[in-house]
């Protein structure tokens, strides 16, 4: 799937990705694409969803470490 993002949206996506561990960034991008599929990609939506997905991925990793 290809998403067409503006420079501003890409900047926000990169900023959100900084909070995600390097080895989880692929999962972050895949989940982000799923969440944005079929939506009208306004700046606010892309930013909000990127940070929500980053938090979800990060929390999942923290729970795994705490349980392990």
Protein backbone atom coordinates (compact mmCIF):
# COMPACT_ATOMS: atom_id res chain seq x y z
CA UNK A 1 0.00 0.00 0.00
CA UNK A 2 1.26 3.45 -0.86
CA UNK A 3 0.37 6.51 1.17
CA UNK A 4 0.88 9.94 -0.34
CA UNK A 5 2.00 12.22 2.47
CA UNK A 6 3.00 15.86 2.43
CA UNK A 7 6.38 17.00 3.73
CA UNK A 8 4.69 18.22 6.90
CA UNK A 9 2.98 14.86 7.43
CA UNK A 10 6.25 13.00 6.83
CA UNK A 11 7.93 15.23 9.41
CA UNK A 12 5.29 14.34 12.01
CA UNK A 13 5.53 10.65 11.12
CA UNK A 14 9.32 10.76 11.61
CA UNK A 15 8.92 12.57 14.93
CA UNK A 16 6.44 9.96 16.16
CA UNK A 17 8.74 7.16 14.99
CA UNK A 18 11.56 8.48 17.19
CA UNK A 19 9.71 7.16 20.25
CA UNK A 20 9.55 3.64 18.77
CA UNK A 21 12.42 1.21 19.24
CA UNK A 22 14.39 0.74 16.02
CA UNK A 23 13.46 -2.93 15.63
CA UNK A 24 9.74 -2.10 16.02
CA UNK A 25 9.62 0.63 13.40
CA UNK A 26 8.55 -1.77 10.66
CA UNK A 27 5.56 -2.79 12.78
CA UNK A 28 4.89 0.90 13.47
CA UNK A 29 4.80 1.73 9.76
CA UNK A 30 2.64 -1.28 8.92
CA UNK A 31 0.10 -0.44 11.63
CA UNK A 32 0.12 3.22 10.62
CA UNK A 33 -0.69 2.25 7.03
CA UNK A 34 -3.56 0.05 8.22
CA UNK A 35 -4.98 2.85 10.39
CA UNK A 36 -4.76 5.45 7.60
CA UNK A 37 -6.03 3.26 4.76
CA UNK A 38 -9.04 4.78 3.05
CA UNK A 39 -9.02 7.95 5.16
CA UNK A 40 -8.78 11.58 4.03
CA UNK A 41 -5.17 12.27 5.00
CA UNK A 42 -5.29 15.68 6.61
CA UNK A 43 -2.32 16.89 8.65
CA UNK A 44 -4.15 16.56 11.96
CA UNK A 45 -5.29 13.00 11.29
CA UNK A 46 -1.86 11.80 10.19
CA UNK A 47 -0.20 13.39 13.22
CA UNK A 48 -2.76 12.04 15.72
CA UNK A 49 -2.74 8.52 14.30
CA UNK A 50 1.07 8.41 14.05
CA UNK A 51 1.46 9.27 17.74
CA UNK A 52 -1.35 6.90 18.79
CA UNK A 53 0.26 4.01 16.90
CA UNK A 54 3.69 4.90 18.32
CA UNK A 55 2.26 4.84 21.87
CA UNK A 56 0.51 1.52 21.25
CA UNK A 57 3.67 -0.11 19.85
CA UNK A 58 5.81 1.30 22.67
CA UNK A 59 3.39 0.20 25.40
CA UNK A 60 3.22 -3.28 23.91
CA UNK A 61 7.01 -3.53 24.00
CA UNK A 62 7.10 -2.27 27.61
CA UNK A 63 4.53 -4.88 28.67
CA UNK A 64 6.53 -7.63 26.98
CA UNK A 65 9.71 -6.58 28.78
CA UNK A 66 7.91 -6.31 32.13
CA UNK A 67 6.33 -9.74 31.72
CA UNK A 68 9.56 -11.36 30.57
